Protein backbone atom coordinates (compact mmCIF):
# COMPACT_ATOMS: atom_id res chain seq x y z
CA MET A 1 -24.04 13.48 -87.38
CA GLU A 2 -23.50 10.15 -85.34
CA VAL A 3 -23.88 10.14 -81.66
CA LEU A 4 -22.56 7.40 -79.45
CA PHE A 5 -22.95 6.90 -75.78
CA GLU A 6 -20.53 4.88 -73.76
CA GLN A 7 -21.72 2.43 -71.35
CA ALA A 8 -20.21 4.48 -68.34
CA PHE A 9 -21.94 7.58 -69.50
CA LEU A 10 -25.57 5.52 -69.69
CA LYS A 11 -25.01 4.01 -66.11
CA ALA A 12 -24.11 7.18 -64.60
CA LEU A 13 -27.42 8.49 -66.30
CA LYS A 14 -29.49 5.82 -64.76
CA LYS A 15 -27.67 6.61 -61.35
CA HIS A 16 -28.41 10.31 -61.62
CA ALA A 17 -31.94 10.03 -62.92
CA SER A 18 -32.90 13.32 -60.98
CA ILE A 19 -31.05 15.29 -63.48
CA LYS A 20 -32.06 13.47 -66.88
CA LYS A 21 -33.83 16.31 -68.42
CA ALA A 22 -31.00 18.82 -67.64
CA VAL A 23 -28.42 16.07 -69.13
CA GLN A 24 -30.74 15.89 -72.23
CA LYS A 25 -30.63 19.49 -72.74
CA LYS A 26 -26.96 19.78 -72.69
CA VAL A 27 -26.51 16.72 -74.80
CA ASP A 28 -29.00 18.44 -77.44
CA LEU A 29 -26.64 21.76 -77.09
CA VAL A 30 -23.47 19.76 -77.68
CA ILE A 31 -24.98 17.89 -80.70
CA GLN A 32 -25.89 21.49 -82.22
CA ASP A 33 -22.34 22.82 -82.15
CA PRO A 34 -19.71 20.48 -79.95
CA VAL A 35 -17.01 22.83 -80.06
CA ALA A 36 -18.97 26.06 -78.98
CA PHE A 37 -20.66 24.19 -75.76
CA GLY A 38 -17.49 22.17 -74.43
CA GLU A 39 -14.56 23.34 -73.14
CA PRO A 40 -11.11 21.59 -74.43
CA LEU A 41 -9.81 19.34 -71.53
CA LYS A 42 -5.78 18.84 -71.24
CA ALA A 43 -3.27 16.70 -69.68
CA ASN A 44 -4.93 13.11 -69.03
CA TRP A 45 -7.91 14.30 -70.83
CA GLN A 46 -6.15 15.67 -73.94
CA GLY A 47 -8.73 15.70 -76.84
CA PHE A 48 -11.71 15.32 -74.68
CA TYR A 49 -14.39 18.16 -73.90
CA SER A 50 -16.23 18.68 -70.86
CA CYS A 51 -19.84 20.74 -70.67
CA PRO A 52 -21.37 21.48 -67.04
CA VAL A 53 -24.83 20.31 -66.59
CA LYS A 54 -25.49 21.67 -63.41
CA ARG A 55 -23.60 23.43 -60.58
CA ASN A 56 -20.96 20.91 -59.88
CA PHE A 57 -21.81 18.12 -62.45
CA ILE A 58 -20.38 17.81 -65.88
CA LEU A 59 -20.33 15.50 -68.80
CA ILE A 60 -17.07 14.36 -70.92
CA TYR A 61 -17.31 13.76 -74.70
CA LEU A 62 -15.43 13.45 -77.68
CA TYR A 63 -15.84 15.13 -81.10
CA CYS A 64 -14.05 13.26 -83.68
CA ASP A 65 -13.40 16.11 -86.11
CA ALA A 66 -11.86 18.18 -83.55
CA CYS A 67 -10.08 15.34 -81.93
CA ARG A 68 -8.33 14.61 -85.43
CA LYS A 69 -7.77 18.07 -86.40
CA LYS A 70 -5.68 18.73 -83.59
CA GLY A 71 -3.93 15.41 -83.77
CA ASP A 72 -5.47 14.46 -80.50
CA ASP A 73 -6.50 10.95 -82.17
CA ILE A 74 -3.02 9.55 -81.32
CA VAL A 75 -3.17 10.55 -77.56
CA VAL A 76 -7.04 9.26 -77.33
CA GLY A 77 -6.34 6.00 -79.19
CA CYS A 78 -10.17 5.18 -79.74
CA LYS A 79 -10.37 1.38 -80.83
CA ASP A 80 -12.53 2.18 -83.79
CA CYS A 81 -11.06 5.64 -84.77
CA GLU A 82 -10.43 4.89 -88.43
CA GLN A 83 -14.06 3.29 -89.03
CA THR A 84 -15.63 6.44 -87.22
CA ASP A 85 -16.91 9.28 -89.21
CA SER A 86 -15.52 12.67 -88.26
CA GLN A 87 -18.88 14.27 -87.48
CA THR A 88 -19.32 11.63 -84.75
CA ILE A 89 -19.75 12.87 -80.91
CA ARG A 90 -19.19 10.27 -78.22
CA PHE A 91 -20.35 10.90 -74.73
CA ILE A 92 -18.22 9.08 -72.48
CA LEU A 93 -18.78 10.07 -68.79
CA LEU A 94 -21.22 12.08 -66.57
CA GLY A 95 -21.08 12.80 -62.86
CA PRO A 96 -19.96 15.20 -60.27
CA HIS A 97 -16.70 17.25 -61.40
CA ASP A 98 -14.30 15.96 -59.14
CA LYS A 99 -15.30 12.25 -59.23
CA THR A 100 -15.49 12.28 -63.04
CA TYR A 101 -12.13 13.54 -63.53
CA GLY A 102 -10.69 10.91 -61.17
CA MET A 103 -12.18 8.18 -63.32
């Protein structure tokens, strides 16, 4: 399994360094079973999953296999979709619930 971290995710992790351990635990759980630990999103976030880190803090990610099986790859439109293995998890954003969905 390939795990990728977008720049926005890494930048947010630096900004919220106080919860770094909690984020690492959630990332590890998502890597073990991406579909079980995430909630599929809808509307503008179709194809993505979210996972709570703390009370009002979430991470948003893509799991390529689920995205392709649902046909969401057409909506998501990753630039490197065709070159990316189906067993790839791409961590996209991290932050407070309301602010993260607004990005």
